[in-house]
Amino acid sequence: MNTMTKLALGLMGRLRPAPPKGEAATAIALPPPAKSGGLPLMEALAKRQSAREFAREALPLQMLSDLLWAAYGVNRAGSGRTAPSALNCQEVDVFVALPQGAYRYDAAANALQLAAAADLRGITGYQDFVDEAPLDLVFVADHARMAMVPVAQRESYASAAAGAIAQNVYLYCAGSGLATVIRAWIDRAAIADALGLTHDQQVLLAQTVGFPKGA
């Protein structure tokens, strides 16, 4: 679906997910993440960039596990994460839009839990490349977990946490030969509806990940 068609459908409130490609498992157990290797930090920073052309090839399950752990996985005792959150609210959920369905990343179990048995990639952004890239991440804030944060500050706190997660994704991709781009030009209402979010949950950002096109 091209950008203009998506814009028109979005304005009419009719942007909808596509049918799933394949059977959507209720849960996907991920292999233990590899927590060593990759590029040194300074080299990864030197390679960090945004890309907007992606191959259609799916990421191997091990690479998907490593990516999600780098993004927002549990990295120490007490359920501490690889990205910070104010007052340790851990208010951001990472959803993974795959061809066969959309899943919530369960960091504690290192697994994907089915959120929607549909292909949500095409509605995670107005850009046409999101339709064919192997996966799109969606960062969602759950304000119900932020009871200690003043209401007026919750969105900014959650957005800062989502930005840290997104940068972790960038650095993992830079060190692993993947391409990625963060996106704020998204139809938040369409995504929330497709994921079945509650009024306490807020779609913040999306991020596309895949192998570079032509690699």
N, C-alpha and C. Protein backbone atom coordinates (compact mmCIF):
# COMPACT_ATOMS: atom_id res chain seq x y z
N MET A 1 0.84 -1.18 0.00
CA MET A 1 0.00 0.00 0.00
C MET A 1 0.88 1.24 0.00
N ASN A 2 0.61 2.19 -0.91
CA ASN A 2 1.48 3.37 -0.96
C ASN A 2 1.09 4.40 0.09
N THR A 3 1.95 5.39 0.24
CA THR A 3 1.78 6.39 1.29
C THR A 3 0.49 7.18 1.14
N MET A 4 0.16 7.60 -0.07
CA MET A 4 -1.04 8.42 -0.27
C MET A 4 -2.30 7.63 0.08
N THR A 5 -2.34 6.36 -0.27
CA THR A 5 -3.49 5.53 0.08
C THR A 5 -3.62 5.40 1.59
N LYS A 6 -2.49 5.20 2.26
CA LYS A 6 -2.51 5.10 3.72
C LYS A 6 -3.00 6.40 4.36
N LEU A 7 -2.53 7.52 3.84
CA LEU A 7 -2.95 8.82 4.37
C LEU A 7 -4.45 9.01 4.23
N ALA A 8 -4.97 8.67 3.05
CA ALA A 8 -6.40 8.82 2.81
C ALA A 8 -7.21 7.92 3.74
N LEU A 9 -6.79 6.67 3.88
CA LEU A 9 -7.49 5.75 4.79
C LEU A 9 -7.39 6.21 6.23
N GLY A 10 -6.21 6.73 6.59
CA GLY A 10 -6.03 7.22 7.95
C GLY A 10 -6.94 8.39 8.26
N LEU A 11 -7.10 9.30 7.31
CA LEU A 11 -7.97 10.46 7.50
C LEU A 11 -9.43 10.04 7.67
N MET A 12 -9.78 8.93 7.03
CA MET A 12 -11.15 8.42 7.13
C MET A 12 -11.32 7.47 8.31
N GLY A 13 -10.23 7.21 9.05
CA GLY A 13 -10.29 6.28 10.15
C GLY A 13 -10.49 4.85 9.70
N ARG A 14 -9.96 4.52 8.51
CA ARG A 14 -10.18 3.19 7.95
C ARG A 14 -8.88 2.43 7.65
N LEU A 15 -7.79 2.85 8.26
CA LEU A 15 -6.53 2.12 8.09
C LEU A 15 -6.60 0.86 8.93
N ARG A 16 -6.51 -0.30 8.28
CA ARG A 16 -6.71 -1.57 8.95
C ARG A 16 -5.54 -2.52 8.68
N PRO A 17 -5.29 -3.45 9.60
CA PRO A 17 -4.23 -4.46 9.36
C PRO A 17 -4.63 -5.42 8.25
N ALA A 18 -3.64 -6.12 7.72
CA ALA A 18 -3.87 -7.13 6.70
C ALA A 18 -4.04 -8.49 7.36
N PRO A 19 -4.61 -9.45 6.64
CA PRO A 19 -4.70 -10.81 7.19
C PRO A 19 -3.30 -11.35 7.48
N PRO A 20 -3.18 -12.24 8.46
CA PRO A 20 -1.85 -12.78 8.78
C PRO A 20 -1.31 -13.65 7.66
N LYS A 21 0.00 -13.65 7.51
CA LYS A 21 0.67 -14.52 6.54
C LYS A 21 1.20 -15.74 7.29
N GLY A 22 0.43 -16.79 7.29
CA GLY A 22 0.79 -17.96 8.08
C GLY A 22 0.03 -17.99 9.39
N GLU A 23 0.23 -19.05 10.14
CA GLU A 23 -0.48 -19.24 11.40
C GLU A 23 0.21 -18.49 12.52
N ALA A 24 -0.58 -17.78 13.31
CA ALA A 24 -0.04 -17.01 14.43
C ALA A 24 -0.04 -17.87 15.69
N ALA A 25 1.14 -18.24 16.15
CA ALA A 25 1.24 -19.01 17.39
C ALA A 25 0.84 -18.14 18.57
N THR A 26 0.24 -18.74 19.57
CA THR A 26 -0.17 -18.00 20.77
C THR A 26 1.03 -17.41 21.50
N ALA A 27 2.13 -18.12 21.48
CA ALA A 27 3.37 -17.66 22.11
C ALA A 27 4.55 -18.20 21.32
N ILE A 28 5.63 -17.43 21.31
CA ILE A 28 6.87 -17.85 20.66
C ILE A 28 7.99 -17.80 21.69
N ALA A 29 8.52 -18.96 22.04
CA ALA A 29 9.65 -19.00 22.97
C ALA A 29 10.91 -18.60 22.21
N LEU A 30 11.65 -17.66 22.76
CA LEU A 30 12.88 -17.19 22.12
C LEU A 30 14.08 -17.91 22.72
N PRO A 31 15.10 -18.19 21.92
CA PRO A 31 16.31 -18.79 22.48
C PRO A 31 17.00 -17.79 23.42
N PRO A 32 17.79 -18.27 24.37
CA PRO A 32 18.49 -17.34 25.26
C PRO A 32 19.32 -16.34 24.45
N PRO A 33 19.27 -15.06 24.81
CA PRO A 33 20.02 -14.07 24.04
C PRO A 33 21.52 -14.23 24.22
N ALA A 34 22.25 -13.99 23.16
CA ALA A 34 23.72 -13.99 23.24
C ALA A 34 24.15 -12.64 23.79
N LYS A 35 24.77 -12.64 24.95
CA LYS A 35 25.10 -11.39 25.63
C LYS A 35 26.57 -11.02 25.50
N SER A 36 27.24 -11.60 24.54
CA SER A 36 28.64 -11.25 24.28
C SER A 36 28.82 -11.11 22.78
N GLY A 37 29.94 -10.52 22.40
CA GLY A 37 30.22 -10.33 20.97
C GLY A 37 29.70 -9.00 20.47
N GLY A 38 29.65 -8.88 19.16
CA GLY A 38 29.23 -7.61 18.56
C GLY A 38 30.38 -6.62 18.50
N LEU A 39 30.09 -5.45 17.95
CA LEU A 39 31.11 -4.42 17.82
C LEU A 39 31.36 -3.72 19.15
N PRO A 40 32.57 -3.22 19.38
CA PRO A 40 32.79 -2.32 20.51
C PRO A 40 31.87 -1.10 20.39
N LEU A 41 31.54 -0.50 21.52
CA LEU A 41 30.57 0.59 21.55
C LEU A 41 30.93 1.72 20.60
N MET A 42 32.16 2.18 20.60
CA MET A 42 32.53 3.33 19.78
C MET A 42 32.41 3.01 18.29
N GLU A 43 32.70 1.76 17.92
CA GLU A 43 32.55 1.37 16.52
C GLU A 43 31.08 1.30 16.14
N ALA A 44 30.24 0.80 17.05
CA ALA A 44 28.80 0.75 16.78
C ALA A 44 28.23 2.15 16.63
N LEU A 45 28.67 3.08 17.48
CA LEU A 45 28.22 4.46 17.35
C LEU A 45 28.64 5.07 16.02
N ALA A 46 29.83 4.72 15.58
CA ALA A 46 30.31 5.26 14.31
C ALA A 46 29.49 4.74 13.13
N LYS A 47 28.90 3.55 13.27
CA LYS A 47 28.11 2.96 12.20
C LYS A 47 26.61 3.23 12.33
N ARG A 48 26.18 3.81 13.46
CA ARG A 48 24.75 4.02 13.70
C ARG A 48 24.17 4.97 12.65
N GLN A 49 23.08 4.55 11.99
CA GLN A 49 22.41 5.39 11.00
C GLN A 49 21.01 4.87 10.76
N SER A 50 20.19 5.71 10.12
CA SER A 50 18.85 5.30 9.72
C SER A 50 18.85 4.83 8.28
N ALA A 51 18.03 3.83 8.00
CA ALA A 51 17.90 3.29 6.63
C ALA A 51 16.42 3.14 6.32
N ARG A 52 16.10 3.25 5.05
CA ARG A 52 14.68 3.17 4.64
C ARG A 52 14.47 2.17 3.50
N GLU A 53 15.43 1.28 3.32
CA GLU A 53 15.28 0.21 2.35
C GLU A 53 15.65 -1.10 3.04
N PHE A 54 14.75 -2.08 2.97
CA PHE A 54 14.91 -3.31 3.72
C PHE A 54 14.66 -4.51 2.83
N ALA A 55 15.44 -5.56 3.05
CA ALA A 55 15.17 -6.85 2.41
C ALA A 55 13.96 -7.48 3.11
N ARG A 56 13.29 -8.39 2.41
CA ARG A 56 12.11 -9.04 2.98
C ARG A 56 12.47 -10.23 3.88
N GLU A 57 13.70 -10.64 3.86
CA GLU A 57 14.13 -11.83 4.60
C GLU A 57 13.87 -11.69 6.10
N ALA A 58 13.26 -12.72 6.68
CA ALA A 58 12.98 -12.71 8.11
C ALA A 58 14.26 -12.84 8.92
N LEU A 59 14.29 -12.26 10.10
CA LEU A 59 15.42 -12.42 10.99
C LEU A 59 15.40 -13.81 11.60
N PRO A 60 16.55 -14.49 11.70
CA PRO A 60 16.58 -15.76 12.43
C PRO A 60 16.11 -15.54 13.87
N LEU A 61 15.53 -16.57 14.46
CA LEU A 61 14.97 -16.44 15.80
C LEU A 61 16.03 -16.02 16.82
N GLN A 62 17.26 -16.51 16.67
CA GLN A 62 18.32 -16.11 17.60
C GLN A 62 18.60 -14.62 17.49
N MET A 63 18.63 -14.11 16.27
CA MET A 63 18.88 -12.68 16.07
C MET A 63 17.73 -11.84 16.62
N LEU A 64 16.50 -12.33 16.47
CA LEU A 64 15.34 -11.61 17.02
C LEU A 64 15.43 -11.57 18.54
N SER A 65 15.83 -12.69 19.15
CA SER A 65 15.98 -12.73 20.60
C SER A 65 17.05 -11.74 21.05
N ASP A 66 18.18 -11.72 20.36
CA ASP A 66 19.27 -10.82 20.72
C ASP A 66 18.83 -9.35 20.57
N LEU A 67 18.11 -9.07 19.49
CA LEU A 67 17.63 -7.71 19.23
C LEU A 67 16.72 -7.23 20.35
N LEU A 68 15.75 -8.06 20.74
CA LEU A 68 14.79 -7.64 21.75
C LEU A 68 15.44 -7.54 23.13
N TRP A 69 16.38 -8.45 23.41
CA TRP A 69 17.09 -8.33 24.69
C TRP A 69 17.90 -7.04 24.73
N ALA A 70 18.59 -6.73 23.64
CA ALA A 70 19.35 -5.48 23.59
C ALA A 70 18.43 -4.28 23.75
N ALA A 71 17.25 -4.36 23.16
CA ALA A 71 16.31 -3.24 23.21
C ALA A 71 15.82 -2.99 24.63
N TYR A 72 15.33 -4.04 25.29
CA TYR A 72 14.67 -3.82 26.58
C TYR A 72 14.60 -5.10 27.40
N GLY A 73 15.66 -5.90 27.32
CA GLY A 73 15.66 -7.15 28.05
C GLY A 73 16.10 -7.00 29.50
N VAL A 74 15.93 -8.06 30.25
CA VAL A 74 16.37 -8.10 31.65
C VAL A 74 17.86 -8.39 31.67
N ASN A 75 18.64 -7.48 32.29
CA ASN A 75 20.10 -7.64 32.25
C ASN A 75 20.74 -7.81 33.62
N ARG A 76 19.92 -7.93 34.68
CA ARG A 76 20.50 -8.10 36.01
C ARG A 76 19.42 -8.57 36.98
N ALA A 77 19.84 -8.99 38.16
CA ALA A 77 18.90 -9.45 39.19
C ALA A 77 17.96 -8.32 39.58
N GLY A 78 16.74 -8.68 39.93
CA GLY A 78 15.76 -7.67 40.30
C GLY A 78 14.99 -7.13 39.13
N SER A 79 15.09 -7.79 37.97
CA SER A 79 14.34 -7.41 36.77
C SER A 79 14.76 -6.09 36.16
N GLY A 80 16.01 -5.64 36.44
CA GLY A 80 16.52 -4.43 35.78
C GLY A 80 16.63 -4.65 34.28
N ARG A 81 16.46 -3.58 33.52
CA ARG A 81 16.42 -3.66 32.07
C ARG A 81 17.63 -3.00 31.42
N THR A 82 17.77 -3.24 30.12
CA THR A 82 18.87 -2.64 29.35
C THR A 82 18.62 -1.17 29.02
N ALA A 83 17.41 -0.67 29.28
CA ALA A 83 17.08 0.74 29.07
C ALA A 83 16.44 1.27 30.35
N PRO A 84 16.66 2.55 30.67
CA PRO A 84 16.15 3.10 31.93
C PRO A 84 14.68 3.49 31.84
N SER A 85 14.05 3.56 33.02
CA SER A 85 12.71 4.15 33.11
C SER A 85 12.62 4.86 34.46
N ALA A 86 11.93 5.99 34.49
CA ALA A 86 11.82 6.78 35.72
C ALA A 86 11.13 5.97 36.81
N LEU A 87 11.70 6.00 38.01
CA LEU A 87 11.16 5.30 39.17
C LEU A 87 11.02 3.79 38.91
N ASN A 88 11.74 3.30 37.91
CA ASN A 88 11.68 1.89 37.53
C ASN A 88 10.25 1.43 37.25
N CYS A 89 9.46 2.31 36.64
CA CYS A 89 8.07 1.96 36.32
C CYS A 89 8.00 0.89 35.23
N GLN A 90 9.02 0.83 34.39
CA GLN A 90 9.03 -0.11 33.26
C GLN A 90 7.70 -0.04 32.52
N GLU A 91 7.33 1.19 32.18
CA GLU A 91 6.01 1.45 31.61
C GLU A 91 5.90 1.19 30.11
N VAL A 92 7.01 0.96 29.44
CA VAL A 92 6.98 0.77 28.00
C VAL A 92 6.91 -0.71 27.66
N ASP A 93 5.96 -1.06 26.80
CA ASP A 93 5.89 -2.40 26.23
C ASP A 93 6.38 -2.33 24.79
N VAL A 94 7.13 -3.34 24.39
CA VAL A 94 7.61 -3.44 23.01
C VAL A 94 6.76 -4.49 22.29
N PHE A 95 6.06 -4.05 21.26
CA PHE A 95 5.28 -4.95 20.43
C PHE A 95 6.05 -5.20 19.13
N VAL A 96 5.97 -6.42 18.64
CA VAL A 96 6.69 -6.83 17.44
C VAL A 96 5.68 -7.21 16.37
N ALA A 97 5.61 -6.42 15.30
CA ALA A 97 4.69 -6.72 14.20
C ALA A 97 5.41 -7.59 13.18
N LEU A 98 4.97 -8.84 13.09
CA LEU A 98 5.52 -9.82 12.16
C LEU A 98 4.47 -10.17 11.11
N PRO A 99 4.85 -10.80 9.99
CA PRO A 99 3.85 -11.15 8.98
C PRO A 99 2.70 -12.01 9.52
N GLN A 100 3.01 -12.90 10.46
CA GLN A 100 1.98 -13.81 10.96
C GLN A 100 1.18 -13.27 12.13
N GLY A 101 1.59 -12.14 12.69
CA GLY A 101 0.85 -11.58 13.81
C GLY A 101 1.66 -10.54 14.57
N ALA A 102 1.02 -9.88 15.52
CA ALA A 102 1.69 -8.90 16.36
C ALA A 102 1.83 -9.47 17.77
N TYR A 103 3.00 -9.31 18.36
CA TYR A 103 3.32 -9.92 19.64
C TYR A 103 3.88 -8.90 20.62
N ARG A 104 3.59 -9.12 21.91
CA ARG A 104 4.20 -8.31 22.96
C ARG A 104 5.43 -9.05 23.48
N TYR A 105 6.54 -8.33 23.58
CA TYR A 105 7.77 -8.93 24.11
C TYR A 105 7.66 -9.06 25.61
N ASP A 106 7.73 -10.29 26.10
CA ASP A 106 7.72 -10.59 27.53
C ASP A 106 9.17 -10.77 27.94
N ALA A 107 9.77 -9.73 28.49
CA ALA A 107 11.20 -9.76 28.80
C ALA A 107 11.51 -10.77 29.90
N ALA A 108 10.66 -10.87 30.90
CA ALA A 108 10.91 -11.79 32.01
C ALA A 108 10.95 -13.24 31.54
N ALA A 109 10.07 -13.60 30.61
CA ALA A 109 10.01 -14.97 30.11
C ALA A 109 10.85 -15.15 28.85
N ASN A 110 11.38 -14.06 28.32
CA ASN A 110 12.10 -14.08 27.04
C ASN A 110 11.27 -14.78 25.97
N ALA A 111 10.07 -14.24 25.76
CA ALA A 111 9.12 -14.85 24.84
C ALA A 111 8.26 -13.76 24.21
N LEU A 112 7.59 -14.13 23.13
CA LEU A 112 6.62 -13.24 22.47
C LEU A 112 5.22 -13.77 22.76
N GLN A 113 4.34 -12.89 23.20
CA GLN A 113 2.97 -13.25 23.50
C GLN A 113 2.05 -12.61 22.46
N LEU A 114 1.17 -13.41 21.86
CA LEU A 114 0.31 -12.92 20.77
C LEU A 114 -0.60 -11.80 21.26
N ALA A 115 -0.61 -10.69 20.52
CA ALA A 115 -1.51 -9.58 20.81
C ALA A 115 -2.59 -9.45 19.76
N ALA A 116 -2.25 -9.77 18.50
CA ALA A 116 -3.22 -9.66 17.41
C ALA A 116 -2.83 -10.62 16.30
N ALA A 117 -3.76 -11.48 15.88
CA ALA A 117 -3.49 -12.43 14.81
C ALA A 117 -3.77 -11.77 13.47
N ALA A 118 -2.96 -10.79 13.14
CA ALA A 118 -3.09 -10.04 11.88
C ALA A 118 -1.73 -9.46 11.54
N ASP A 119 -1.55 -9.09 10.29
CA ASP A 119 -0.30 -8.48 9.84
C ASP A 119 -0.42 -6.97 10.01
N LEU A 120 0.16 -6.44 11.08
CA LEU A 120 0.05 -5.02 11.40
C LEU A 120 1.14 -4.17 10.78
N ARG A 121 2.08 -4.77 10.07
CA ARG A 121 3.22 -4.00 9.58
C ARG A 121 2.79 -2.80 8.77
N GLY A 122 1.81 -2.97 7.91
CA GLY A 122 1.40 -1.90 7.02
C GLY A 122 0.77 -0.71 7.70
N ILE A 123 0.28 -0.88 8.94
CA ILE A 123 -0.34 0.25 9.63
C ILE A 123 0.58 0.85 10.70
N THR A 124 1.81 0.35 10.78
CA THR A 124 2.73 0.91 11.78
C THR A 124 3.41 2.19 11.30
N GLY A 125 3.05 2.66 10.11
CA GLY A 125 3.61 3.90 9.59
C GLY A 125 3.05 4.18 8.22
N TYR A 126 3.13 5.43 7.82
CA TYR A 126 2.62 5.82 6.50
C TYR A 126 3.61 5.50 5.38
N GLN A 127 4.85 5.26 5.70
CA GLN A 127 5.85 4.95 4.67
C GLN A 127 5.54 3.59 4.05
N ASP A 128 5.83 3.46 2.75
CA ASP A 128 5.52 2.21 2.07
C ASP A 128 6.46 1.07 2.48
N PHE A 129 7.67 1.37 2.93
CA PHE A 129 8.62 0.28 3.24
C PHE A 129 8.21 -0.53 4.46
N VAL A 130 7.34 -0.01 5.30
CA VAL A 130 6.97 -0.76 6.50
C VAL A 130 6.16 -2.01 6.16
N ASP A 131 5.53 -2.03 4.99
CA ASP A 131 4.69 -3.16 4.60
C ASP A 131 5.51 -4.43 4.37
N GLU A 132 6.72 -4.28 3.84
CA GLU A 132 7.50 -5.42 3.40
C GLU A 132 8.70 -5.75 4.27
N ALA A 133 9.12 -4.83 5.13
CA ALA A 133 10.22 -5.13 6.05
C ALA A 133 9.82 -6.30 6.94
N PRO A 134 10.76 -7.12 7.40
CA PRO A 134 10.40 -8.32 8.16
C PRO A 134 9.73 -8.05 9.50
N LEU A 135 10.04 -6.91 10.12
CA LEU A 135 9.38 -6.62 11.39
C LEU A 135 9.37 -5.13 11.67
N ASP A 136 8.33 -4.73 12.38
CA ASP A 136 8.22 -3.35 12.88
C ASP A 136 7.96 -3.41 14.37
N LEU A 137 8.74 -2.66 15.12
CA LEU A 137 8.55 -2.55 16.56
C LEU A 137 7.62 -1.38 16.86
N VAL A 138 6.77 -1.54 17.85
CA VAL A 138 5.90 -0.47 18.31
C VAL A 138 6.09 -0.31 19.81
N PHE A 139 6.38 0.91 20.25
CA PHE A 139 6.62 1.19 21.66
C PHE A 139 5.36 1.81 22.26
N VAL A 140 4.83 1.15 23.28
CA VAL A 140 3.56 1.54 23.90
C VAL A 140 3.77 1.82 25.38
N ALA A 141 3.31 2.96 25.84
CA ALA A 141 3.40 3.31 27.26
C ALA A 141 2.12 2.91 27.98
N ASP A 142 2.28 2.27 29.12
CA ASP A 142 1.14 1.91 29.96
C ASP A 142 1.12 2.87 31.15
N HIS A 143 0.25 3.86 31.08
CA HIS A 143 0.20 4.88 32.13
C HIS A 143 -0.26 4.32 33.47
N ALA A 144 -0.90 3.18 33.47
CA ALA A 144 -1.36 2.58 34.72
C ALA A 144 -0.18 2.17 35.60
N ARG A 145 1.01 1.99 35.01
CA ARG A 145 2.19 1.62 35.78
C ARG A 145 2.92 2.86 36.34
N MET A 146 2.41 4.03 36.04
CA MET A 146 3.12 5.26 36.39
C MET A 146 2.39 6.05 37.48
N ALA A 147 1.84 5.34 38.45
CA ALA A 147 1.05 5.99 39.49
C ALA A 147 1.85 7.02 40.28
N MET A 148 3.17 6.81 40.41
CA MET A 148 4.00 7.73 41.18
C MET A 148 4.46 8.93 40.36
N VAL A 149 4.14 8.96 39.08
CA VAL A 149 4.55 10.06 38.21
C VAL A 149 3.36 10.99 37.99
N PRO A 150 3.53 12.31 38.17
CA PRO A 150 2.42 13.23 37.91
C PRO A 150 1.86 13.05 36.51
N VAL A 151 0.56 13.11 36.36
CA VAL A 151 -0.11 12.84 35.09
C VAL A 151 0.46 13.68 33.97
N ALA A 152 0.73 14.95 34.24
CA ALA A 152 1.21 15.87 33.20
C ALA A 152 2.59 15.49 32.68
N GLN A 153 3.34 14.69 33.44
CA GLN A 153 4.70 14.34 33.05
C GLN A 153 4.83 12.92 32.50
N ARG A 154 3.77 12.16 32.51
CA ARG A 154 3.87 10.74 32.14
C ARG A 154 4.29 10.54 30.69
N GLU A 155 3.72 11.31 29.78
CA GLU A 155 4.07 11.12 28.37
C GLU A 155 5.53 11.44 28.12
N SER A 156 6.05 12.51 28.71
CA SER A 156 7.45 12.86 28.48
C SER A 156 8.38 11.83 29.11
N TYR A 157 8.04 11.32 30.29
CA TYR A 157 8.86 10.29 30.92
C TYR A 157 8.89 9.03 30.05
N ALA A 158 7.71 8.61 29.59
CA ALA A 158 7.62 7.40 28.78
C ALA A 158 8.33 7.58 27.44
N SER A 159 8.23 8.76 26.87
CA SER A 159 8.89 9.02 25.59
C SER A 159 10.40 8.96 25.73
N ALA A 160 10.92 9.44 26.87
CA ALA A 160 12.36 9.35 27.11
C ALA A 160 12.79 7.89 27.21
N ALA A 161 11.99 7.06 27.88
CA ALA A 161 12.31 5.64 27.99
C ALA A 161 12.26 4.97 26.62
N ALA A 162 11.26 5.31 25.82
CA ALA A 162 11.15 4.72 24.48
C ALA A 162 12.32 5.14 23.61
N GLY A 163 12.79 6.37 23.77
CA GLY A 163 13.96 6.83 23.02
C GLY A 163 15.21 6.03 23.37
N ALA A 164 15.35 5.70 24.66
CA ALA A 164 16.50 4.89 25.07
C ALA A 164 16.42 3.48 24.48
N ILE A 165 15.23 2.92 24.46
CA ILE A 165 15.03 1.59 23.86
C ILE A 165 15.37 1.64 22.38
N ALA A 166 14.88 2.66 21.70
CA ALA A 166 15.13 2.80 20.26
C ALA A 166 16.63 2.91 19.97
N GLN A 167 17.35 3.64 20.81
CA GLN A 167 18.80 3.76 20.60
C GLN A 167 19.50 2.42 20.82
N ASN A 168 19.03 1.64 21.79
CA ASN A 168 19.58 0.30 21.96
C ASN A 168 19.40 -0.52 20.68
N VAL A 169 18.23 -0.39 20.06
CA VAL A 169 17.98 -1.09 18.79
C VAL A 169 18.95 -0.62 17.72
N TYR A 170 19.15 0.69 17.64
CA TYR A 170 20.09 1.23 16.66
C TYR A 170 21.49 0.65 16.85
N LEU A 171 21.94 0.60 18.08
CA LEU A 171 23.30 0.13 18.34
C LEU A 171 23.42 -1.37 18.07
N TYR A 172 22.39 -2.14 18.42
CA TYR A 172 22.44 -3.56 18.09
C TYR A 172 22.49 -3.75 16.58
N CYS A 173 21.66 -3.02 15.86
CA CYS A 173 21.62 -3.14 14.40
C CYS A 173 22.96 -2.74 13.78
N ALA A 174 23.56 -1.67 14.30
CA ALA A 174 24.85 -1.22 13.77
C ALA A 174 25.91 -2.29 13.96
N GLY A 175 25.84 -3.01 15.06
CA GLY A 175 26.84 -4.03 15.35
C GLY A 175 26.54 -5.39 14.76
N SER A 176 25.36 -5.54 14.14
CA SER A 176 24.94 -6.85 13.64
C SER A 176 24.62 -6.85 12.15
N GLY A 177 24.91 -5.76 11.47
CA GLY A 177 24.68 -5.70 10.04
C GLY A 177 23.22 -5.54 9.64
N LEU A 178 22.39 -5.04 10.55
CA LEU A 178 20.98 -4.81 10.25
C LEU A 178 20.72 -3.34 9.96
N ALA A 179 19.60 -3.08 9.32
CA ALA A 179 19.17 -1.72 9.04
C ALA A 179 17.97 -1.39 9.93
N THR A 180 17.83 -0.13 10.30
CA THR A 180 16.69 0.28 11.14
C THR A 180 16.40 1.76 10.96
N VAL A 181 15.19 2.15 11.33
CA VAL A 181 14.81 3.57 11.35
C VAL A 181 13.69 3.76 12.36
N ILE A 182 13.80 4.80 13.17
CA ILE A 182 12.75 5.15 14.13
C ILE A 182 11.73 6.02 13.42
N ARG A 183 10.45 5.87 13.80
CA ARG A 183 9.40 6.60 13.09
C ARG A 183 8.36 7.15 14.06
N ALA A 184 8.03 8.42 13.90
CA ALA A 184 6.97 9.05 14.70
C ALA A 184 5.75 9.39 13.84
N TRP A 185 5.91 9.30 12.49
CA TRP A 185 4.80 9.60 11.57
C TRP A 185 3.95 8.34 11.45
N ILE A 186 3.04 8.15 12.39
CA ILE A 186 2.27 6.92 12.50
C ILE A 186 0.82 7.25 12.86
N ASP A 187 -0.08 6.35 12.52
CA ASP A 187 -1.49 6.49 12.88
C ASP A 187 -1.69 5.78 14.22
N ARG A 188 -1.55 6.54 15.29
CA ARG A 188 -1.59 5.95 16.63
C ARG A 188 -2.94 5.32 16.95
N ALA A 189 -4.01 5.93 16.48
CA ALA A 189 -5.34 5.39 16.75
C ALA A 189 -5.53 4.05 16.06
N ALA A 190 -5.07 3.93 14.81
CA ALA A 190 -5.22 2.67 14.07
C ALA A 190 -4.40 1.56 14.73
N ILE A 191 -3.18 1.90 15.17
CA ILE A 191 -2.33 0.90 15.82
C ILE A 191 -2.95 0.45 17.14
N ALA A 192 -3.43 1.42 17.93
CA ALA A 192 -4.04 1.09 19.22
C ALA A 192 -5.26 0.19 19.04
N ASP A 193 -6.06 0.49 18.03
CA ASP A 193 -7.25 -0.32 17.77
C ASP A 193 -6.86 -1.74 17.36
N ALA A 194 -5.87 -1.85 16.49
CA ALA A 194 -5.45 -3.17 16.00
C ALA A 194 -4.85 -4.02 17.11
N LEU A 195 -4.16 -3.38 18.05
CA LEU A 195 -3.54 -4.11 19.16
C LEU A 195 -4.51 -4.34 20.32
N GLY A 196 -5.68 -3.72 20.27
CA GLY A 196 -6.64 -3.87 21.34
C GLY A 196 -6.20 -3.20 22.63
N LEU A 197 -5.56 -2.02 22.51
CA LEU A 197 -5.04 -1.34 23.69
C LEU A 197 -6.17 -0.72 24.52
N THR A 198 -5.89 -0.51 25.80
CA THR A 198 -6.84 0.13 26.69
C THR A 198 -6.62 1.64 26.69
N HIS A 199 -7.49 2.37 27.37
CA HIS A 199 -7.36 3.83 27.41
C HIS A 199 -6.12 4.27 28.19
N ASP A 200 -5.55 3.37 29.01
CA ASP A 200 -4.33 3.69 29.75
C ASP A 200 -3.06 3.51 28.92
N GLN A 201 -3.19 2.89 27.77
CA GLN A 201 -2.02 2.61 26.93
C GLN A 201 -1.93 3.60 25.78
N GLN A 202 -0.71 4.08 25.55
CA GLN A 202 -0.46 5.12 24.55
C GLN A 202 0.63 4.68 23.58
N VAL A 203 0.32 4.69 22.29
CA VAL A 203 1.32 4.38 21.27
C VAL A 203 2.26 5.58 21.14
N LEU A 204 3.56 5.33 21.28
CA LEU A 204 4.55 6.41 21.26
C LEU A 204 5.28 6.50 19.93
N LEU A 205 5.95 5.43 19.54
CA LEU A 205 6.82 5.43 18.37
C LEU A 205 6.80 4.05 17.73
N ALA A 206 7.32 3.99 16.50
CA ALA A 206 7.52 2.71 15.84
C ALA A 206 8.93 2.69 15.27
N GLN A 207 9.43 1.50 15.01
CA GLN A 207 10.81 1.35 14.51
C GLN A 207 10.87 0.12 13.62
N THR A 208 11.34 0.30 12.40
CA THR A 208 11.45 -0.79 11.44
C THR A 208 12.85 -1.39 11.51
N VAL A 209 12.93 -2.72 11.40
CA VAL A 209 14.20 -3.43 11.48
C VAL A 209 14.22 -4.50 10.40
N GLY A 210 15.39 -4.69 9.79
CA GLY A 210 15.56 -5.76 8.81
C GLY A 210 16.96 -5.76 8.24
N PHE A 211 17.22 -6.73 7.38
CA PHE A 211 18.50 -6.74 6.68
C PHE A 211 18.49 -5.63 5.64
N PRO A 212 19.63 -5.01 5.37
CA PRO A 212 19.68 -3.97 4.32
C PRO A 212 19.28 -4.55 2.98
N LYS A 213 18.55 -3.79 2.21
CA LYS A 213 18.15 -4.25 0.88
C LYS A 213 19.37 -4.41 0.00
N GLY A 214 19.46 -5.54 -0.65
CA GLY A 214 20.58 -5.80 -1.54
C GLY A 214 21.81 -6.35 -0.86
N ALA A 215 21.73 -6.54 0.46
CA ALA A 215 22.90 -7.05 1.19
C ALA A 215 23.12 -8.51 0.86
